[in-house]
Amino acid sequence: MAEINSTYILEKLNAHFGEGIILHSEEPYNFLTITAKSEFNIEILKFLFNDADLRVQFMTDLTVVHYPEKKQDFVVVYHLHSLENNYRLRLKFPLSKASLHIKTATAVFATANWLEREAYDFFGVDFVGHPDLRRILNVDHMEAFPLRKEFPLEDPNRIDKKDSFFGR
């Protein structure tokens, strides 16, 4: 088995999926970060999980980042860890606001279940095929997604925050 490093991981992914699936890669602070096409998220995650050398079998975290000023408004970010080989990597899958759909990773990583529910709850990303995609922390009837940049910092309907109560 070859030494597992960023170059080796990228070569394996490119050899398996071909050119064009990986959009960008970088290594900020020696942390391999791969940006790929969102329609291949499950295929890439399954490959990393099942590959005999790589064995990336633990999802540390999943989140979404909202960049309203960029072409791809949202990015789904997976932080993965190979416990056996002791390395971490980050996968990013960009989504547009018009199409906030990505396949669920619950069939690959059990930890994805609640993490995807949280990402849905706060950003409104639809994880297609999720077994129970509903709000987990906010109230069920809430219509907004509070971690989006367009969400107001304070509820304009709150009467306890009126300036007149504070002598302003």
C-alpha atoms as a PDB file:
ATOM      1  CA  MET A   1       0.000   0.000   0.000  1.00  0.00           C
ATOM      2  CA  ALA A   2       1.268   3.455  -0.899  1.00  0.00           C
ATOM      3  CA  GLU A   3       1.656   6.242   1.623  1.00  0.00           C
ATOM      4  CA  ILE A   4      -1.696   7.935   2.001  1.00  0.00           C
ATOM      5  CA  ASN A   5      -1.344  11.646   1.415  1.00  0.00           C
ATOM      6  CA  SER A   6      -3.279  14.321  -0.436  1.00  0.00           C
ATOM      7  CA  THR A   7      -1.721  13.520  -3.797  1.00  0.00           C
ATOM      8  CA  TYR A   8      -2.524   9.822  -3.432  1.00  0.00           C
ATOM      9  CA  ILE A   9      -6.156  10.531  -2.481  1.00  0.00           C
ATOM     10  CA  LEU A  10      -6.646  12.906  -5.422  1.00  0.00           C
ATOM     11  CA  GLU A  11      -5.034  10.429  -7.844  1.00  0.00           C
ATOM     12  CA  LYS A  12      -7.328   7.631  -6.627  1.00  0.00           C
ATOM     13  CA  LEU A  13     -10.416   9.815  -6.990  1.00  0.00           C
ATOM     14  CA  ASN A  14      -9.425  11.011 -10.468  1.00  0.00           C
ATOM     15  CA  ALA A  15      -8.562   7.470 -11.563  1.00  0.00           C
ATOM     16  CA  HIS A  16     -11.920   6.164 -10.365  1.00  0.00           C
ATOM     17  CA  PHE A  17     -14.207   9.027 -11.416  1.00  0.00           C
ATOM     18  CA  GLY A  18     -12.283  10.579 -14.275  1.00  0.00           C
ATOM     19  CA  GLU A  19     -11.607  14.227 -14.905  1.00  0.00           C
ATOM     20  CA  GLY A  20     -14.291  16.852 -14.352  1.00  0.00           C
ATOM     21  CA  ILE A  21     -15.896  15.505 -11.165  1.00  0.00           C
ATOM     22  CA  ILE A  22     -13.438  17.299  -8.878  1.00  0.00           C
ATOM     23  CA  LEU A  23     -13.781  21.027  -9.407  1.00  0.00           C
ATOM     24  CA  HIS A  24     -11.029  22.221  -7.088  1.00  0.00           C
ATOM     25  CA  SER A  25      -8.640  21.014  -4.405  1.00  0.00           C
ATOM     26  CA  GLU A  26      -6.486  22.826  -1.904  1.00  0.00           C
ATOM     27  CA  GLU A  27      -4.687  22.206   1.378  1.00  0.00           C
ATOM     28  CA  PRO A  28      -5.233  25.010   3.848  1.00  0.00           C
ATOM     29  CA  TYR A  29      -3.267  24.238   7.013  1.00  0.00           C
ATOM     30  CA  ASN A  30      -2.363  20.797   5.578  1.00  0.00           C
ATOM     31  CA  PHE A  31      -6.047  19.817   5.517  1.00  0.00           C
ATOM     32  CA  LEU A  32      -7.043  18.371   2.145  1.00  0.00           C
ATOM     33  CA  THR A  33     -10.161  20.125   0.902  1.00  0.00           C
ATOM     34  CA  ILE A  34     -11.851  18.835  -2.239  1.00  0.00           C
ATOM     35  CA  THR A  35     -14.671  20.639  -4.028  1.00  0.00           C
ATOM     36  CA  ALA A  36     -16.651  18.360  -6.330  1.00  0.00           C
ATOM     37  CA  LYS A  37     -19.879  18.298  -8.314  1.00  0.00           C
ATOM     38  CA  SER A  38     -22.812  17.857  -5.961  1.00  0.00           C
ATOM     39  CA  GLU A  39     -24.556  15.203  -8.047  1.00  0.00           C
ATOM     40  CA  PHE A  40     -21.676  12.817  -7.235  1.00  0.00           C
ATOM     41  CA  ASN A  41     -21.625  13.282  -3.458  1.00  0.00           C
ATOM     42  CA  ILE A  42     -22.806   9.773  -2.571  1.00  0.00           C
ATOM     43  CA  GLU A  43     -20.600   8.061  -5.142  1.00  0.00           C
ATOM     44  CA  ILE A  44     -17.538   9.880  -3.770  1.00  0.00           C
ATOM     45  CA  LEU A  45     -18.473   9.202  -0.144  1.00  0.00           C
ATOM     46  CA  LYS A  46     -19.071   5.493  -0.865  1.00  0.00           C
ATOM     47  CA  PHE A  47     -15.784   5.230  -2.734  1.00  0.00           C
ATOM     48  CA  LEU A  48     -13.837   6.805   0.151  1.00  0.00           C
ATOM     49  CA  PHE A  49     -15.651   4.574   2.656  1.00  0.00           C
ATOM     50  CA  ASN A  50     -15.207   1.297   0.758  1.00  0.00           C
ATOM     51  CA  ASP A  51     -11.741   1.735  -0.750  1.00  0.00           C
ATOM     52  CA  ALA A  52      -9.377  -0.826   0.809  1.00  0.00           C
ATOM     53  CA  ASP A  53      -6.539   1.707   1.144  1.00  0.00           C
ATOM     54  CA  LEU A  54      -8.366   4.905   2.062  1.00  0.00           C
ATOM     55  CA  ARG A  55     -10.942   3.555   4.551  1.00  0.00           C
ATOM     56  CA  VAL A  56     -12.598   6.894   5.348  1.00  0.00           C
ATOM     57  CA  GLN A  57     -15.257   5.451   7.606  1.00  0.00           C
ATOM     58  CA  PHE A  58     -16.138   8.222  10.038  1.00  0.00           C
ATOM     59  CA  MET A  59     -18.024  11.455   9.385  1.00  0.00           C
ATOM     60  CA  THR A  60     -16.909  14.004  11.949  1.00  0.00           C
ATOM     61  CA  ASP A  61     -19.241  16.776  10.864  1.00  0.00           C
ATOM     62  CA  LEU A  62     -21.561  18.009   8.161  1.00  0.00           C
ATOM     63  CA  THR A  63     -22.558  21.607   7.699  1.00  0.00           C
ATOM     64  CA  VAL A  64     -23.673  24.132   5.122  1.00  0.00           C
ATOM     65  CA  VAL A  65     -22.156  27.521   4.347  1.00  0.00           C
ATOM     66  CA  HIS A  66     -24.164  30.298   2.720  1.00  0.00           C
ATOM     67  CA  TYR A  67     -22.326  32.594   0.283  1.00  0.00           C
ATOM     68  CA  PRO A  68     -25.056  34.837  -1.191  1.00  0.00           C
ATOM     69  CA  GLU A  69     -22.505  36.909  -3.110  1.00  0.00           C
ATOM     70  CA  LYS A  70     -21.092  33.936  -5.051  1.00  0.00           C
ATOM     71  CA  LYS A  71     -22.401  32.023  -8.057  1.00  0.00           C
ATOM     72  CA  GLN A  72     -22.934  28.879  -5.992  1.00  0.00           C
ATOM     73  CA  ASP A  73     -24.926  30.227  -3.045  1.00  0.00           C
ATOM     74  CA  PHE A  74     -24.598  27.261  -0.705  1.00  0.00           C
ATOM     75  CA  VAL A  75     -21.887  24.693  -0.054  1.00  0.00           C
ATOM     76  CA  VAL A  76     -22.522  21.400   1.753  1.00  0.00           C
ATOM     77  CA  VAL A  77     -19.357  20.531   3.684  1.00  0.00           C
ATOM     78  CA  TYR A  78     -18.446  17.053   4.952  1.00  0.00           C
ATOM     79  CA  HIS A  79     -15.576  16.565   7.408  1.00  0.00           C
ATOM     80  CA  LEU A  80     -14.375  12.981   7.193  1.00  0.00           C
ATOM     81  CA  HIS A  81     -11.807  10.949   9.098  1.00  0.00           C
ATOM     82  CA  SER A  82      -9.996   7.705   8.460  1.00  0.00           C
ATOM     83  CA  LEU A  83      -9.461   6.384  11.965  1.00  0.00           C
ATOM     84  CA  GLU A  84      -7.430   3.454  10.690  1.00  0.00           C
ATOM     85  CA  ASN A  85      -5.017   5.591   8.658  1.00  0.00           C
ATOM     86  CA  ASN A  86      -5.249   8.693  10.877  1.00  0.00           C
ATOM     87  CA  TYR A  87      -5.991  11.408   8.342  1.00  0.00           C
ATOM     88  CA  ARG A  88      -8.826  13.836   7.764  1.00  0.00           C
ATOM     89  CA  LEU A  89     -10.285  15.446   4.695  1.00  0.00           C
ATOM     90  CA  ARG A  90     -12.976  17.933   3.826  1.00  0.00           C
ATOM     91  CA  LEU A  91     -15.392  17.548   0.917  1.00  0.00           C
ATOM     92  CA  LYS A  92     -17.383  20.484  -0.419  1.00  0.00           C
ATOM     93  CA  PHE A  93     -20.358  20.261  -2.754  1.00  0.00           C
ATOM     94  CA  PRO A  94     -21.688  23.579  -4.095  1.00  0.00           C
ATOM     95  CA  LEU A  95     -25.426  24.139  -4.590  1.00  0.00           C
ATOM     96  CA  SER A  96     -27.376  27.012  -6.075  1.00  0.00           C
ATOM     97  CA  LYS A  97     -30.293  28.602  -4.229  1.00  0.00           C
ATOM     98  CA  ALA A  98     -32.562  27.521  -7.076  1.00  0.00           C
ATOM     99  CA  SER A  99     -31.634  23.860  -6.519  1.00  0.00           C
ATOM    100  CA  LEU A 100     -31.008  23.129  -2.856  1.00  0.00           C
ATOM    101  CA  HIS A 101     -31.096  19.347  -3.269  1.00  0.00           C
ATOM    102  CA  ILE A 102     -28.362  16.813  -2.574  1.00  0.00           C
ATOM    103  CA  LYS A 103     -28.531  13.069  -1.921  1.00  0.00           C
ATOM    104  CA  THR A 104     -28.556  11.931   1.687  1.00  0.00           C
ATOM    105  CA  ALA A 105     -25.429  10.332   3.119  1.00  0.00           C
ATOM    106  CA  THR A 106     -27.346   8.336   5.736  1.00  0.00           C
ATOM    107  CA  ALA A 107     -26.807   5.076   3.842  1.00  0.00           C
ATOM    108  CA  VAL A 108     -23.034   5.578   4.095  1.00  0.00           C
ATOM    109  CA  PHE A 109     -22.596   7.284   7.487  1.00  0.00           C
ATOM    110  CA  ALA A 110     -25.078   6.846  10.336  1.00  0.00           C
ATOM    111  CA  THR A 111     -23.920  10.169  11.813  1.00  0.00           C
ATOM    112  CA  ALA A 112     -25.313  11.942   8.745  1.00  0.00           C
ATOM    113  CA  ASN A 113     -28.872  11.426   9.989  1.00  0.00           C
ATOM    114  CA  TRP A 114     -29.018  14.141  12.642  1.00  0.00           C
ATOM    115  CA  LEU A 115     -26.393  16.326  10.959  1.00  0.00           C
ATOM    116  CA  GLU A 116     -28.493  16.501   7.787  1.00  0.00           C
ATOM    117  CA  ARG A 117     -31.596  17.293   9.814  1.00  0.00           C
ATOM    118  CA  GLU A 118     -29.743  20.167  11.462  1.00  0.00           C
ATOM    119  CA  ALA A 119     -28.491  21.454   8.086  1.00  0.00           C
ATOM    120  CA  TYR A 120     -32.043  21.270   6.742  1.00  0.00           C
ATOM    121  CA  ASP A 121     -33.405  23.037   9.809  1.00  0.00           C
ATOM    122  CA  PHE A 122     -31.010  25.974   9.615  1.00  0.00           C
ATOM    123  CA  PHE A 123     -30.297  26.296   5.877  1.00  0.00           C
ATOM    124  CA  GLY A 124     -33.188  24.579   4.074  1.00  0.00           C
ATOM    125  CA  VAL A 125     -31.067  22.073   2.130  1.00  0.00           C
ATOM    126  CA  ASP A 126     -33.168  19.110   0.992  1.00  0.00           C
ATOM    127  CA  PHE A 127     -31.277  15.849   1.553  1.00  0.00           C
ATOM    128  CA  VAL A 128     -33.046  13.648  -0.966  1.00  0.00           C
ATOM    129  CA  GLY A 129     -33.826  10.185   0.395  1.00  0.00           C
ATOM    130  CA  HIS A 130     -33.321  11.087   4.054  1.00  0.00           C
ATOM    131  CA  PRO A 131     -35.422   8.743   6.229  1.00  0.00           C
ATOM    132  CA  ASP A 132     -36.834  11.494   8.496  1.00  0.00           C
ATOM    133  CA  LEU A 133     -36.005  14.981   7.192  1.00  0.00           C
ATOM    134  CA  ARG A 134     -37.775  17.410   9.503  1.00  0.00           C
ATOM    135  CA  ARG A 135     -36.808  20.216  11.825  1.00  0.00           C
ATOM    136  CA  ILE A 136     -34.728  19.157  14.797  1.00  0.00           C
ATOM    137  CA  LEU A 137     -34.072  22.341  16.824  1.00  0.00           C
ATOM    138  CA  ASN A 138     -36.462  25.021  15.552  1.00  0.00           C
ATOM    139  CA  VAL A 139     -40.229  24.921  15.845  1.00  0.00           C
ATOM    140  CA  ASP A 140     -42.014  22.890  13.190  1.00  0.00           C
ATOM    141  CA  HIS A 141     -44.117  25.781  11.878  1.00  0.00           C
ATOM    142  CA  MET A 142     -41.106  28.055  11.278  1.00  0.00           C
ATOM    143  CA  GLU A 143     -40.977  29.119   7.633  1.00  0.00           C
ATOM    144  CA  ALA A 144     -37.509  30.713   7.544  1.00  0.00           C
ATOM    145  CA  PHE A 145     -34.060  29.157   7.778  1.00  0.00           C
ATOM    146  CA  PRO A 146     -32.181  31.163  10.414  1.00  0.00           C
ATOM    147  CA  LEU A 147     -28.574  30.605   9.330  1.00  0.00           C
ATOM    148  CA  ARG A 148     -29.126  31.977   5.852  1.00  0.00           C
ATOM    149  CA  LYS A 149     -27.649  35.423   5.408  1.00  0.00           C
ATOM    150  CA  GLU A 150     -31.002  36.956   4.423  1.00  0.00           C
ATOM    151  CA  PHE A 151     -32.517  35.957   7.773  1.00  0.00           C
ATOM    152  CA  PRO A 152     -32.823  39.059  10.028  1.00  0.00           C
ATOM    153  CA  LEU A 153     -30.616  39.067  13.106  1.00  0.00           C
ATOM    154  CA  GLU A 154     -33.560  39.950  15.331  1.00  0.00           C
ATOM    155  CA  ASP A 155     -37.240  39.255  15.021  1.00  0.00           C
ATOM    156  CA  PRO A 156     -38.838  42.566  13.981  1.00  0.00           C
ATOM    157  CA  ASN A 157     -42.088  41.564  15.702  1.00  0.00           C
ATOM    158  CA  ARG A 158     -40.640  41.359  19.217  1.00  0.00           C
ATOM    159  CA  ILE A 159     -42.083  44.092  21.429  1.00  0.00           C
ATOM    160  CA  ASP A 160     -39.504  43.686  24.212  1.00  0.00           C
ATOM    161  CA  LYS A 161     -36.781  45.029  21.895  1.00  0.00           C
ATOM    162  CA  LYS A 162     -38.372  48.395  21.076  1.00  0.00           C
ATOM    163  CA  ASP A 163     -35.987  51.325  21.502  1.00  0.00           C
ATOM    164  CA  SER A 164     -38.590  53.313  23.459  1.00  0.00           C
ATOM    165  CA  PHE A 165     -38.292  50.821  26.328  1.00  0.00           C
ATOM    166  CA  PHE A 166     -34.611  51.688  26.682  1.00  0.00           C
ATOM    167  CA  GLY A 167     -34.897  55.518  26.534  1.00  0.00           C
ATOM    168  CA  ARG A 168     -33.836  55.716  22.883  1.00  0.00           C
END
